Amino acid sequence: MLAREDTPGLAVRLPSGEWLAPPVIPGTFLVNLGNIMKRWSNDRFLSTPHGVLNDTGKDRYSIAFFFSPNVEAVIECLPSCTGADNPPRYPPAVYRDLVLDFYNANYFHRQGHAGARASGRS
């Protein structure tokens, strides 16, 4: 969740690959969904790649709030997001393992640490 101000800069990537600057609507929050919501909702709600480019010459501040499940939580498709014609797209997985897999795949300093989970290191 992101409380926004008048200085623009935030952009979100749409499923088409196009980048969009969401409008600033006074008194509202912007909600970026992550990979866990994508799994819970069986792709009904997609994770939102985003970035910031502030080329206004003014200071830009963001106040963000992040929320994550317990590291031991099993992440699986919610019953309301699946059915006979829409089976779960992802197997159940422990949240900690999903986070470590994401970090290992996306952060260069973690390259070579794929075995960290098996050895108990993070």
PDB file of N, CA and C in Angstrom:
ATOM      1  N   MET A   1       0.856  -1.164   0.000  1.00  0.00           N
ATOM      2  CA  MET A   1       0.000   0.000   0.000  1.00  0.00           C
ATOM      3  C   MET A   1       0.898   1.220   0.000  1.00  0.00           C
ATOM      4  N   LEU A   2       0.558   2.185  -0.815  1.00  0.00           N
ATOM      5  CA  LEU A   2       1.383   3.366  -0.961  1.00  0.00           C
ATOM      6  C   LEU A   2       0.533   4.623  -0.843  1.00  0.00           C
ATOM      7  N   ALA A   3       0.847   5.431   0.168  1.00  0.00           N
ATOM      8  CA  ALA A   3       0.236   6.752   0.279  1.00  0.00           C
ATOM      9  C   ALA A   3       1.005   7.651  -0.673  1.00  0.00           C
ATOM     10  N   ARG A   4       0.306   8.357  -1.542  1.00  0.00           N
ATOM     11  CA  ARG A   4       0.985   9.124  -2.587  1.00  0.00           C
ATOM     12  C   ARG A   4       0.814  10.608  -2.386  1.00  0.00           C
ATOM     13  N   GLU A   5       1.697  11.361  -3.010  1.00  0.00           N
ATOM     14  CA  GLU A   5       1.623  12.814  -2.985  1.00  0.00           C
ATOM     15  C   GLU A   5       1.573  13.311  -4.426  1.00  0.00           C
ATOM     16  N   ASP A   6       1.665  14.596  -4.600  1.00  0.00           N
ATOM     17  CA  ASP A   6       1.475  15.201  -5.923  1.00  0.00           C
ATOM     18  C   ASP A   6       2.649  15.033  -6.882  1.00  0.00           C
ATOM     19  N   THR A   7       3.829  14.708  -6.393  1.00  0.00           N
ATOM     20  CA  THR A   7       4.988  14.578  -7.278  1.00  0.00           C
ATOM     21  C   THR A   7       4.925  13.242  -8.004  1.00  0.00           C
ATOM     22  N   PRO A   8       4.831  13.258  -9.324  1.00  0.00           N
ATOM     23  CA  PRO A   8       4.722  12.011 -10.080  1.00  0.00           C
ATOM     24  C   PRO A   8       6.049  11.264 -10.131  1.00  0.00           C
ATOM     25  N   GLY A   9       6.023  10.072 -10.660  1.00  0.00           N
ATOM     26  CA  GLY A   9       7.232   9.285 -10.843  1.00  0.00           C
ATOM     27  C   GLY A   9       6.967   7.802 -10.854  1.00  0.00           C
ATOM     28  N   LEU A  10       5.928   7.359 -10.148  1.00  0.00           N
ATOM     29  CA  LEU A  10       5.620   5.938 -10.087  1.00  0.00           C
ATOM     30  C   LEU A  10       5.094   5.456 -11.430  1.00  0.00           C
ATOM     31  N   ALA A  11       5.533   4.266 -11.834  1.00  0.00           N
ATOM     32  CA  ALA A  11       5.015   3.618 -13.032  1.00  0.00           C
ATOM     33  C   ALA A  11       4.806   2.141 -12.727  1.00  0.00           C
ATOM     34  N   VAL A  12       3.755   1.559 -13.272  1.00  0.00           N
ATOM     35  CA  VAL A  12       3.477   0.129 -13.142  1.00  0.00           C
ATOM     36  C   VAL A  12       3.488  -0.493 -14.528  1.00  0.00           C
ATOM     37  N   ARG A  13       3.972  -1.730 -14.599  1.00  0.00           N
ATOM     38  CA  ARG A  13       4.012  -2.416 -15.889  1.00  0.00           C
ATOM     39  C   ARG A  13       2.754  -3.250 -16.053  1.00  0.00           C
ATOM     40  N   LEU A  14       2.042  -2.999 -17.131  1.00  0.00           N
ATOM     41  CA  LEU A  14       0.823  -3.730 -17.446  1.00  0.00           C
ATOM     42  C   LEU A  14       1.172  -5.110 -18.015  1.00  0.00           C
ATOM     43  N   PRO A  15       0.226  -6.050 -18.023  1.00  0.00           N
ATOM     44  CA  PRO A  15       0.507  -7.370 -18.600  1.00  0.00           C
ATOM     45  C   PRO A  15       0.999  -7.299 -20.054  1.00  0.00           C
ATOM     46  N   SER A  16       0.630  -6.246 -20.773  1.00  0.00           N
ATOM     47  CA  SER A  16       1.073  -6.080 -22.162  1.00  0.00           C
ATOM     48  C   SER A  16       2.549  -5.694 -22.254  1.00  0.00           C
ATOM     49  N   GLY A  17       3.170  -5.309 -21.124  1.00  0.00           N
ATOM     50  CA  GLY A  17       4.552  -4.852 -21.112  1.00  0.00           C
ATOM     51  C   GLY A  17       4.659  -3.337 -21.133  1.00  0.00           C
ATOM     52  N   GLU A  18       3.546  -2.652 -21.408  1.00  0.00           N
ATOM     53  CA  GLU A  18       3.525  -1.189 -21.425  1.00  0.00           C
ATOM     54  C   GLU A  18       3.615  -0.663 -19.993  1.00  0.00           C
ATOM     55  N   TRP A  19       4.320   0.471 -19.831  1.00  0.00           N
ATOM     56  CA  TRP A  19       4.415   1.123 -18.532  1.00  0.00           C
ATOM     57  C   TRP A  19       3.364   2.225 -18.451  1.00  0.00           C
ATOM     58  N   LEU A  20       2.693   2.314 -17.307  1.00  0.00           N
ATOM     59  CA  LEU A  20       1.625   3.280 -17.093  1.00  0.00           C
ATOM     60  C   LEU A  20       1.900   4.052 -15.814  1.00  0.00           C
ATOM     61  N   ALA A  21       1.727   5.364 -15.872  1.00  0.00           N
ATOM     62  CA  ALA A  21       1.812   6.200 -14.677  1.00  0.00           C
ATOM     63  C   ALA A  21       0.406   6.317 -14.103  1.00  0.00           C
ATOM     64  N   PRO A  22       0.118   5.651 -12.971  1.00  0.00           N
ATOM     65  CA  PRO A  22      -1.217   5.736 -12.401  1.00  0.00           C
ATOM     66  C   PRO A  22      -1.533   7.174 -11.976  1.00  0.00           C
ATOM     67  N   PRO A  23      -2.756   7.605 -12.170  1.00  0.00           N
ATOM     68  CA  PRO A  23      -3.096   8.979 -11.764  1.00  0.00           C
ATOM     69  C   PRO A  23      -3.039   9.116 -10.248  1.00  0.00           C
ATOM     70  N   VAL A  24      -2.667  10.295  -9.786  1.00  0.00           N
ATOM     71  CA  VAL A  24      -2.687  10.592  -8.357  1.00  0.00           C
ATOM     72  C   VAL A  24      -4.101  11.054  -8.031  1.00  0.00           C
ATOM     73  N   ILE A  25      -4.778  10.313  -7.173  1.00  0.00           N
ATOM     74  CA  ILE A  25      -6.138  10.646  -6.764  1.00  0.00           C
ATOM     75  C   ILE A  25      -6.065  11.046  -5.294  1.00  0.00           C
ATOM     76  N   PRO A  26      -6.314  12.316  -4.987  1.00  0.00           N
ATOM     77  CA  PRO A  26      -6.185  12.787  -3.599  1.00  0.00           C
ATOM     78  C   PRO A  26      -6.996  11.938  -2.620  1.00  0.00           C
ATOM     79  N   GLY A  27      -6.371  11.663  -1.471  1.00  0.00           N
ATOM     80  CA  GLY A  27      -7.054  10.928  -0.408  1.00  0.00           C
ATOM     81  C   GLY A  27      -7.131   9.430  -0.623  1.00  0.00           C
ATOM     82  N   THR A  28      -6.364   8.892  -1.573  1.00  0.00           N
ATOM     83  CA  THR A  28      -6.415   7.446  -1.835  1.00  0.00           C
ATOM     84  C   THR A  28      -5.040   6.816  -1.644  1.00  0.00           C
ATOM     85  N   PHE A  29      -5.028   5.505  -1.592  1.00  0.00           N
ATOM     86  CA  PHE A  29      -3.806   4.704  -1.552  1.00  0.00           C
ATOM     87  C   PHE A  29      -3.710   3.922  -2.852  1.00  0.00           C
ATOM     88  N   LEU A  30      -2.494   3.654  -3.267  1.00  0.00           N
ATOM     89  CA  LEU A  30      -2.269   2.771  -4.403  1.00  0.00           C
ATOM     90  C   LEU A  30      -1.843   1.425  -3.844  1.00  0.00           C
ATOM     91  N   VAL A  31      -2.412   0.343  -4.332  1.00  0.00           N
ATOM     92  CA  VAL A  31      -2.095  -0.991  -3.837  1.00  0.00           C
ATOM     93  C   VAL A  31      -1.399  -1.780  -4.948  1.00  0.00           C
ATOM     94  N   ASN A  32      -0.157  -2.161  -4.696  1.00  0.00           N
ATOM     95  CA  ASN A  32       0.583  -3.047  -5.591  1.00  0.00           C
ATOM     96  C   ASN A  32       0.457  -4.460  -5.031  1.00  0.00           C
ATOM     97  N   LEU A  33       0.045  -5.378  -5.854  1.00  0.00           N
ATOM     98  CA  LEU A  33      -0.084  -6.766  -5.418  1.00  0.00           C
ATOM     99  C   LEU A  33       1.181  -7.527  -5.785  1.00  0.00           C
ATOM    100  N   GLY A  34       1.553  -8.467  -4.948  1.00  0.00           N
ATOM    101  CA  GLY A  34       2.767  -9.239  -5.172  1.00  0.00           C
ATOM    102  C   GLY A  34       2.493 -10.649  -5.641  1.00  0.00           C
ATOM    103  N   ASN A  35       3.555 -11.426  -5.709  1.00  0.00           N
ATOM    104  CA  ASN A  35       3.484 -12.785  -6.241  1.00  0.00           C
ATOM    105  C   ASN A  35       2.614 -13.715  -5.413  1.00  0.00           C
ATOM    106  N   ILE A  36       2.502 -13.461  -4.117  1.00  0.00           N
ATOM    107  CA  ILE A  36       1.693 -14.346  -3.280  1.00  0.00           C
ATOM    108  C   ILE A  36       0.214 -14.172  -3.612  1.00  0.00           C
ATOM    109  N   MET A  37      -0.230 -12.932  -3.810  1.00  0.00           N
ATOM    110  CA  MET A  37      -1.629 -12.712  -4.192  1.00  0.00           C
ATOM    111  C   MET A  37      -1.924 -13.371  -5.533  1.00  0.00           C
ATOM    112  N   LYS A  38      -0.959 -13.346  -6.429  1.00  0.00           N
ATOM    113  CA  LYS A  38      -1.115 -14.012  -7.731  1.00  0.00           C
ATOM    114  C   LYS A  38      -1.380 -15.510  -7.522  1.00  0.00           C
ATOM    115  N   ARG A  39      -0.614 -16.140  -6.640  1.00  0.00           N
ATOM    116  CA  ARG A  39      -0.791 -17.575  -6.372  1.00  0.00           C
ATOM    117  C   ARG A  39      -2.110 -17.849  -5.656  1.00  0.00           C
ATOM    118  N   TRP A  40      -2.409 -17.027  -4.612  1.00  0.00           N
ATOM    119  CA  TRP A  40      -3.658 -17.225  -3.876  1.00  0.00           C
ATOM    120  C   TRP A  40      -4.869 -17.115  -4.798  1.00  0.00           C
ATOM    121  N   SER A  41      -4.827 -16.149  -5.726  1.00  0.00           N
ATOM    122  CA  SER A  41      -5.994 -15.878  -6.568  1.00  0.00           C
ATOM    123  C   SER A  41      -5.991 -16.659  -7.874  1.00  0.00           C
ATOM    124  N   ASN A  42      -5.006 -17.555  -8.062  1.00  0.00           N
ATOM    125  CA  ASN A  42      -4.960 -18.376  -9.276  1.00  0.00           C
ATOM    126  C   ASN A  42      -4.861 -17.499 -10.525  1.00  0.00           C
ATOM    127  N   ASP A  43      -4.070 -16.450 -10.434  1.00  0.00           N
ATOM    128  CA  ASP A  43      -3.837 -15.474 -11.512  1.00  0.00           C
ATOM    129  C   ASP A  43      -4.998 -14.518 -11.751  1.00  0.00           C
ATOM    130  N   ARG A  44      -5.990 -14.514 -10.891  1.00  0.00           N
ATOM    131  CA  ARG A  44      -7.068 -13.515 -11.020  1.00  0.00           C
ATOM    132  C   ARG A  44      -6.502 -12.122 -10.779  1.00  0.00           C
ATOM    133  N   PHE A  45      -5.646 -11.997  -9.761  1.00  0.00           N
ATOM    134  CA  PHE A  45      -4.967 -10.741  -9.470  1.00  0.00           C
ATOM    135  C   PHE A  45      -3.478 -10.958  -9.710  1.00  0.00           C
ATOM    136  N   LEU A  46      -2.887 -10.136 -10.558  1.00  0.00           N
ATOM    137  CA  LEU A  46      -1.495 -10.311 -10.940  1.00  0.00           C
ATOM    138  C   LEU A  46      -0.566  -9.449 -10.095  1.00  0.00           C
ATOM    139  N   SER A  47       0.660  -9.920  -9.924  1.00  0.00           N
ATOM    140  CA  SER A  47       1.650  -9.095  -9.233  1.00  0.00           C
ATOM    141  C   SER A  47       1.997  -7.918 -10.139  1.00  0.00           C
ATOM    142  N   THR A  48       2.424  -6.825  -9.531  1.00  0.00           N
ATOM    143  CA  THR A  48       2.579  -5.571 -10.258  1.00  0.00           C
ATOM    144  C   THR A  48       4.033  -5.111 -10.260  1.00  0.00           C
ATOM    145  N   PRO A  49       4.789  -5.406 -11.318  1.00  0.00           N
ATOM    146  CA  PRO A  49       6.125  -4.809 -11.395  1.00  0.00           C
ATOM    147  C   PRO A  49       5.990  -3.287 -11.448  1.00  0.00           C
ATOM    148  N   HIS A  50       6.851  -2.601 -10.735  1.00  0.00           N
ATOM    149  CA  HIS A  50       6.746  -1.152 -10.689  1.00  0.00           C
ATOM    150  C   HIS A  50       8.113  -0.532 -10.477  1.00  0.00           C
ATOM    151  N   GLY A  51       8.197   0.738 -10.734  1.00  0.00           N
ATOM    152  CA  GLY A  51       9.436   1.471 -10.559  1.00  0.00           C
ATOM    153  C   GLY A  51       9.143   2.953 -10.455  1.00  0.00           C
ATOM    154  N   VAL A  52      10.175   3.721 -10.138  1.00  0.00           N
ATOM    155  CA  VAL A  52      10.016   5.161  -9.964  1.00  0.00           C
ATOM    156  C   VAL A  52      11.111   5.871 -10.741  1.00  0.00           C
ATOM    157  N   LEU A  53      10.715   6.869 -11.487  1.00  0.00           N
ATOM    158  CA  LEU A  53      11.647   7.773 -12.158  1.00  0.00           C
ATOM    159  C   LEU A  53      11.165   9.183 -11.875  1.00  0.00           C
ATOM    160  N   ASN A  54      11.913   9.867 -11.031  1.00  0.00           N
ATOM    161  CA  ASN A  54      11.540  11.234 -10.677  1.00  0.00           C
ATOM    162  C   ASN A  54      12.398  12.189 -11.499  1.00  0.00           C
ATOM    163  N   ASP A  55      11.821  12.739 -12.544  1.00  0.00           N
ATOM    164  CA  ASP A  55      12.546  13.704 -13.374  1.00  0.00           C
ATOM    165  C   ASP A  55      11.956  15.109 -13.236  1.00  0.00           C
ATOM    166  N   THR A  56      11.288  15.368 -12.101  1.00  0.00           N
ATOM    167  CA  THR A  56      10.628  16.663 -11.885  1.00  0.00           C
ATOM    168  C   THR A  56      11.578  17.716 -11.329  1.00  0.00           C
ATOM    169  N   GLY A  57      12.695  17.304 -10.734  1.00  0.00           N
ATOM    170  CA  GLY A  57      13.582  18.249 -10.082  1.00  0.00           C
ATOM    171  C   GLY A  57      13.151  18.570  -8.657  1.00  0.00           C
ATOM    172  N   LYS A  58      12.006  17.986  -8.216  1.00  0.00           N
ATOM    173  CA  LYS A  58      11.517  18.183  -6.848  1.00  0.00           C
ATOM    174  C   LYS A  58      11.751  16.911  -6.044  1.00  0.00           C
ATOM    175  N   ASP A  59      11.892  17.074  -4.728  1.00  0.00           N
ATOM    176  CA  ASP A  59      11.983  15.901  -3.866  1.00  0.00           C
ATOM    177  C   ASP A  59      10.673  15.121  -3.950  1.00  0.00           C
ATOM    178  N   ARG A  60      10.786  13.803  -3.886  1.00  0.00           N
ATOM    179  CA  ARG A  60       9.613  12.931  -3.925  1.00  0.00           C
ATOM    180  C   ARG A  60       9.723  11.966  -2.757  1.00  0.00           C
ATOM    181  N   TYR A  61       8.673  11.867  -1.990  1.00  0.00           N
ATOM    182  CA  TYR A  61       8.656  10.981  -0.829  1.00  0.00           C
ATOM    183  C   TYR A  61       7.516   9.984  -0.970  1.00  0.00           C
ATOM    184  N   SER A  62       7.770   8.762  -0.504  1.00  0.00           N
ATOM    185  CA  SER A  62       6.739   7.728  -0.491  1.00  0.00           C
ATOM    186  C   SER A  62       6.651   7.167   0.917  1.00  0.00           C
ATOM    187  N   ILE A  63       5.458   6.858   1.329  1.00  0.00           N
ATOM    188  CA  ILE A  63       5.231   6.169   2.599  1.00  0.00           C
ATOM    189  C   ILE A  63       4.579   4.847   2.218  1.00  0.00           C
ATOM    190  N   ALA A  64       5.330   3.771   2.365  1.00  0.00           N
ATOM    191  CA  ALA A  64       4.836   2.463   1.938  1.00  0.00           C
ATOM    192  C   ALA A  64       4.555   1.571   3.143  1.00  0.00           C
ATOM    193  N   PHE A  65       3.623   0.642   2.977  1.00  0.00           N
ATOM    194  CA  PHE A  65       3.303  -0.367   3.984  1.00  0.00           C
ATOM    195  C   PHE A  65       3.349  -1.715   3.289  1.00  0.00           C
ATOM    196  N   PHE A  66       4.085  -2.648   3.866  1.00  0.00           N
ATOM    197  CA  PHE A  66       4.197  -3.987   3.297  1.00  0.00           C
ATOM    198  C   PHE A  66       3.603  -4.994   4.270  1.00  0.00           C
ATOM    199  N   PHE A  67       2.986  -6.013   3.740  1.00  0.00           N
ATOM    200  CA  PHE A  67       2.416  -7.071   4.563  1.00  0.00           C
ATOM    201  C   PHE A  67       2.731  -8.404   3.919  1.00  0.00           C
ATOM    202  N   SER A  68       3.181  -9.357   4.720  1.00  0.00           N
ATOM    203  CA  SER A  68       3.513 -10.690   4.221  1.00  0.00           C
ATOM    204  C   SER A  68       2.963 -11.728   5.173  1.00  0.00           C
ATOM    205  N   PRO A  69       2.702 -12.927   4.661  1.00  0.00           N
ATOM    206  CA  PRO A  69       2.259 -14.022   5.533  1.00  0.00           C
ATOM    207  C   PRO A  69       3.388 -14.482   6.460  1.00  0.00           C
ATOM    208  N   ASN A  70       3.050 -15.277   7.448  1.00  0.00           N
ATOM    209  CA  ASN A  70       4.025 -15.931   8.298  1.00  0.00           C
ATOM    210  C   ASN A  70       4.927 -16.787   7.417  1.00  0.00           C
ATOM    211  N   VAL A  71       6.213 -16.862   7.738  1.00  0.00           N
ATOM    212  CA  VAL A  71       7.151 -17.605   6.893  1.00  0.00           C
ATOM    213  C   VAL A  71       6.812 -19.087   6.784  1.00  0.00           C
ATOM    214  N   GLU A  72       6.074 -19.623   7.755  1.00  0.00           N
ATOM    215  CA  GLU A  72       5.691 -21.037   7.727  1.00  0.00           C
ATOM    216  C   GLU A  72       4.353 -21.282   7.006  1.00  0.00           C
ATOM    217  N   ALA A  73       3.675 -20.228   6.614  1.00  0.00           N
ATOM    218  CA  ALA A  73       2.350 -20.370   5.997  1.00  0.00           C
ATOM    219  C   ALA A  73       2.435 -21.138   4.679  1.00  0.00           C
ATOM    220  N   VAL A  74       1.472 -22.007   4.466  1.00  0.00           N
ATOM    221  CA  VAL A  74       1.362 -22.708   3.188  1.00  0.00           C
ATOM    222  C   VAL A  74       0.501 -21.854   2.266  1.00  0.00           C
ATOM    223  N   ILE A  75       1.064 -21.507   1.128  1.00  0.00           N
ATOM    224  CA  ILE A  75       0.380 -20.668   0.151  1.00  0.00           C
ATOM    225  C   ILE A  75      -0.235 -21.580  -0.898  1.00  0.00           C
ATOM    226  N   GLU A  76      -1.558 -21.531  -0.987  1.00  0.00           N
ATOM    227  CA  GLU A  76      -2.257 -22.336  -1.993  1.00  0.00           C
ATOM    228  C   GLU A  76      -3.474 -21.575  -2.484  1.00  0.00           C
ATOM    229  N   CYS A  77      -3.965 -21.981  -3.621  1.00  0.00           N
ATOM    230  CA  CYS A  77      -5.092 -21.303  -4.246  1.00  0.00           C
ATOM    231  C   CYS A  77      -6.290 -21.251  -3.297  1.00  0.00           C
ATOM    232  N   LEU A  78      -6.892 -20.066  -3.181  1.00  0.00           N
ATOM    233  CA  LEU A  78      -8.082 -19.919  -2.347  1.00  0.00           C
ATOM    234  C   LEU A  78      -9.258 -20.632  -2.999  1.00  0.00           C
ATOM    235  N   PRO A  79     -10.121 -21.272  -2.206  1.00  0.00           N
ATOM    236  CA  PRO A  79     -11.248 -22.022  -2.769  1.00  0.00           C
ATOM    237  C   PRO A  79     -12.133 -21.188  -3.696  1.00  0.00           C
ATOM    238  N   SER A  80     -12.275 -19.900  -3.426  1.00  0.00           N
ATOM    239  CA  SER A  80     -13.129 -19.053  -4.264  1.00  0.00           C
ATOM    240  C   SER A  80     -12.484 -18.719  -5.613  1.00  0.00           C
ATOM    241  N   CYS A  81     -11.229 -19.102  -5.808  1.00  0.00           N
ATOM    242  CA  CYS A  81     -10.516 -18.768  -7.047  1.00  0.00           C
ATOM    243  C   CYS A  81     -10.228 -19.989  -7.908  1.00  0.00           C
ATOM    244  N   THR A  82     -10.891 -21.086  -7.617  1.00  0.00           N
ATOM    245  CA  THR A  82     -10.682 -22.303  -8.386  1.00  0.00           C
ATOM    246  C   THR A  82     -12.020 -23.010  -8.578  1.00  0.00           C
ATOM    247  N   GLY A  83     -12.060 -23.925  -9.501  1.00  0.00           N
ATOM    248  CA  GLY A  83     -13.275 -24.684  -9.763  1.00  0.00           C
ATOM    249  C   GLY A  83     -12.997 -25.788 -10.768  1.00  0.00           C
ATOM    250  N   ALA A  84     -14.028 -26.515 -11.130  1.00  0.00           N
ATOM    251  CA  ALA A  84     -13.868 -27.640 -12.064  1.00  0.00           C
ATOM    252  C   ALA A  84     -13.258 -27.197 -13.390  1.00  0.00           C
ATOM    253  N   ASP A  85     -13.630 -26.020 -13.866  1.00  0.00           N
ATOM    254  CA  ASP A  85     -13.098 -25.521 -15.134  1.00  0.00           C
ATOM    255  C   ASP A  85     -11.907 -24.576 -14.937  1.00  0.00           C
ATOM    256  N   ASN A  86     -11.435 -24.425 -13.702  1.00  0.00           N
ATOM    257  CA  ASN A  86     -10.317 -23.529 -13.402  1.00  0.00           C
ATOM    258  C   ASN A  86      -9.474 -24.134 -12.276  1.00  0.00           C
ATOM    259  N   PRO A  87      -8.721 -25.214 -12.585  1.00  0.00           N
ATOM    260  CA  PRO A  87      -7.935 -25.870 -11.535  1.00  0.00           C
ATOM    261  C   PRO A  87      -6.792 -24.963 -11.054  1.00  0.00           C
ATOM    262  N   PRO A  88      -6.265 -25.207  -9.851  1.00  0.00           N
ATOM    263  CA  PRO A  88      -5.138 -24.419  -9.358  1.00  0.00           C
ATOM    264  C   PRO A  88      -3.957 -24.479 -10.326  1.00  0.00           C
ATOM    265  N   ARG A  89      -3.349 -23.333 -10.584  1.00  0.00           N
ATOM    266  CA  ARG A  89      -2.209 -23.244 -11.505  1.00  0.00           C
ATOM    267  C   ARG A  89      -0.871 -23.455 -10.799  1.00  0.00           C
ATOM    268  N   TYR A  90      -0.863 -23.407  -9.466  1.00  0.00           N
ATOM    269  CA  TYR A  90       0.372 -23.519  -8.698  1.00  0.00           C
ATOM    270  C   TYR A  90       0.195 -24.541  -7.590  1.00  0.00           C
ATOM    271  N   PRO A  91       1.208 -25.358  -7.329  1.00  0.00           N
ATOM    272  CA  PRO A  91       1.104 -26.293  -6.204  1.00  0.00           C
ATOM    273  C   PRO A  91       1.240 -25.545  -4.883  1.00  0.00           C
ATOM    274  N   PRO A  92       0.707 -26.099  -3.799  1.00  0.00           N
ATOM    275  CA  PRO A  92       0.917 -25.475  -2.486  1.00  0.00           C
ATOM    276  C   PRO A  92       2.412 -25.364  -2.192  1.00  0.00           C
ATOM    277  N   ALA A  93       2.812 -24.276  -1.532  1.00  0.00           N
ATOM    278  CA  ALA A  93       4.220 -24.064  -1.204  1.00  0.00           C
ATOM    279  C   ALA A  93       4.325 -23.265   0.082  1.00  0.00           C
ATOM    280  N   VAL A  94       5.402 -23.462   0.810  1.00  0.00           N
ATOM    281  CA  VAL A  94       5.660 -22.722   2.042  1.00  0.00           C
ATOM    282  C   VAL A  94       6.175 -21.334   1.652  1.00  0.00           C
ATOM    283  N   TYR A  95       5.638 -20.313   2.301  1.00  0.00           N
ATOM    284  CA  TYR A  95       5.982 -18.931   1.975  1.00  0.00           C
ATOM    285  C   TYR A  95       7.487 -18.689   1.986  1.00  0.00           C
ATOM    286  N   ARG A  96       8.185 -19.173   3.004  1.00  0.00           N
ATOM    287  CA  ARG A  96       9.640 -18.971   3.089  1.00  0.00           C
ATOM    288  C   ARG A  96      10.327 -19.462   1.819  1.00  0.00           C
ATOM    289  N   ASP A  97       9.940 -20.634   1.332  1.00  0.00           N
ATOM    290  CA  ASP A  97      10.565 -21.193   0.137  1.00  0.00           C
ATOM    291  C   ASP A  97      10.287 -20.327  -1.092  1.00  0.00           C
ATOM    292  N   LEU A  98       9.085 -19.802  -1.190  1.00  0.00           N
ATOM    293  CA  LEU A  98       8.753 -18.930  -2.322  1.00  0.00           C
ATOM    294  C   LEU A  98       9.586 -17.652  -2.295  1.00  0.00           C
ATOM    295  N   VAL A  99       9.764 -17.079  -1.110  1.00  0.00           N
ATOM    296  CA  VAL A  99      10.559 -15.850  -0.985  1.00  0.00           C
ATOM    297  C   VAL A  99      12.015 -16.126  -1.343  1.00  0.00           C
ATOM    298  N   LEU A 100      12.577 -17.205  -0.827  1.00  0.00           N
ATOM    299  CA  LEU A 100      13.971 -17.528  -1.143  1.00  0.00           C
ATOM    300  C   LEU A 100      14.153 -17.797  -2.631  1.00  0.00           C
ATOM    301  N   ASP A 101      13.210 -18.501  -3.245  1.00  0.00           N
ATOM    302  CA  ASP A 101      13.288 -18.743  -4.691  1.00  0.00           C
ATOM    303  C   ASP A 101      13.267 -17.422  -5.455  1.00  0.00           C
ATOM    304  N   PHE A 102      12.410 -16.493  -5.031  1.00  0.00           N
ATOM    305  CA  PHE A 102      12.329 -15.180  -5.685  1.00  0.00           C
ATOM    306  C   PHE A 102      13.646 -14.424  -5.533  1.00  0.00           C
ATOM    307  N   TYR A 103      14.174 -14.376  -4.312  1.00  0.00           N
ATOM    308  CA  TYR A 103      15.435 -13.672  -4.076  1.00  0.00           C
ATOM    309  C   TYR A 103      16.563 -14.282  -4.898  1.00  0.00           C
ATOM    310  N   ASN A 104      16.666 -15.599  -4.887  1.00  0.00           N
ATOM    311  CA  ASN A 104      17.736 -16.264  -5.621  1.00  0.00           C
ATOM    312  C   ASN A 104      17.645 -16.016  -7.121  1.00  0.00           C
ATOM    313  N   ALA A 105      16.446 -15.860  -7.641  1.00  0.00           N
ATOM    314  CA  ALA A 105      16.262 -15.644  -9.077  1.00  0.00           C
ATOM    315  C   ALA A 105      16.435 -14.186  -9.485  1.00  0.00           C
ATOM    316  N   ASN A 106      16.275 -13.244  -8.549  1.00  0.00           N
ATOM    317  CA  ASN A 106      16.202 -11.834  -8.934  1.00  0.00           C
ATOM    318  C   ASN A 106      17.291 -10.931  -8.382  1.00  0.00           C
ATOM    319  N   TYR A 107      18.087 -11.377  -7.448  1.00  0.00           N
ATOM    320  CA  TYR A 107      19.116 -10.523  -6.857  1.00  0.00           C
ATOM    321  C   TYR A 107      20.484 -11.130  -7.109  1.00  0.00           C
ATOM    322  N   PHE A 108      21.317 -10.398  -7.868  1.00  0.00           N
ATOM    323  CA  PHE A 108      22.591 -10.937  -8.318  1.00  0.00           C
ATOM    324  C   PHE A 108      23.487 -11.371  -7.167  1.00  0.00           C
ATOM    325  N   HIS A 109      23.434 -10.683  -6.023  1.00  0.00           N
ATOM    326  CA  HIS A 109      24.301 -11.054  -4.910  1.00  0.00           C
ATOM    327  C   HIS A 109      23.893 -12.382  -4.281  1.00  0.00           C
ATOM    328  N   ARG A 110      22.723 -12.907  -4.662  1.00  0.00           N
ATOM    329  CA  ARG A 110      22.272 -14.196  -4.144  1.00  0.00           C
ATOM    330  C   ARG A 110      22.593 -15.319  -5.111  1.00  0.00           C
ATOM    331  N   GLN A 111      23.160 -15.025  -6.276  1.00  0.00           N
ATOM    332  CA  GLN A 111      23.505 -16.068  -7.224  1.00  0.00           C
ATOM    333  C   GLN A 111      24.444 -17.062  -6.545  1.00  0.00           C
ATOM    334  N   GLY A 112      24.199 -18.333  -6.749  1.00  0.00           N
ATOM    335  CA  GLY A 112      25.013 -19.343  -6.106  1.00  0.00           C
ATOM    336  C   GLY A 112      24.506 -19.729  -4.736  1.00  0.00           C
ATOM    337  N   HIS A 113      23.408 -19.107  -4.294  1.00  0.00           N
ATOM    338  CA  HIS A 113      22.857 -19.410  -2.975  1.00  0.00           C
ATOM    339  C   HIS A 113      21.590 -20.238  -3.057  1.00  0.00           C
ATOM    340  N   ALA A 114      21.366 -20.889  -4.194  1.00  0.00           N
ATOM    341  CA  ALA A 114      20.143 -21.684  -4.350  1.00  0.00           C
ATOM    342  C   ALA A 114      20.072 -22.796  -3.317  1.00  0.00           C
ATOM    343  N   GLY A 115      21.211 -23.255  -2.810  1.00  0.00           N
ATOM    344  CA  GLY A 115      21.215 -24.296  -1.807  1.00  0.00           C
ATOM    345  C   GLY A 115      21.030 -23.790  -0.386  1.00  0.00           C
ATOM    346  N   ALA A 116      20.845 -22.482  -0.232  1.00  0.00           N
ATOM    347  CA  ALA A 116      20.716 -21.900   1.097  1.00  0.00           C
ATOM    348  C   ALA A 116      19.543 -22.482   1.862  1.00  0.00           C
ATOM    349  N   ARG A 117      18.431 -22.729   1.161  1.00  0.00           N
ATOM    350  CA  ARG A 117      17.248 -23.263   1.826  1.00  0.00           C
ATOM    351  C   ARG A 117      17.536 -24.652   2.391  1.00  0.00           C
ATOM    352  N   ALA A 118      18.201 -25.486   1.601  1.00  0.00           N
ATOM    353  CA  ALA A 118      18.465 -26.852   2.029  1.00  0.00           C
ATOM    354  C   ALA A 118      19.406 -26.889   3.235  1.00  0.00           C
ATOM    355  N   SER A 119      20.351 -25.939   3.309  1.00  0.00           N
ATOM    356  CA  SER A 119      21.300 -25.949   4.411  1.00  0.00           C
ATOM    357  C   SER A 119      20.823 -25.157   5.621  1.00  0.00           C
ATOM    358  N   GLY A 120      19.662 -24.490   5.486  1.00  0.00           N
ATOM    359  CA  GLY A 120      19.137 -23.711   6.583  1.00  0.00           C
ATOM    360  C   GLY A 120      19.630 -22.289   6.610  1.00  0.00           C
ATOM    361  N   ARG A 121      20.461 -21.884   5.625  1.00  0.00           N
ATOM    362  CA  ARG A 121      20.950 -20.503   5.552  1.00  0.00           C
ATOM    363  C   ARG A 121      20.034 -19.699   4.667  1.00  0.00           C
ATOM    364  N   SER A 122      20.019 -18.378   4.871  1.00  0.00           N
ATOM    365  CA  SER A 122      19.251 -17.499   3.998  1.00  0.00           C
ATOM    366  C   SER A 122      20.113 -16.347   3.531  1.00  0.00           C
TER     367      SER A 122
END
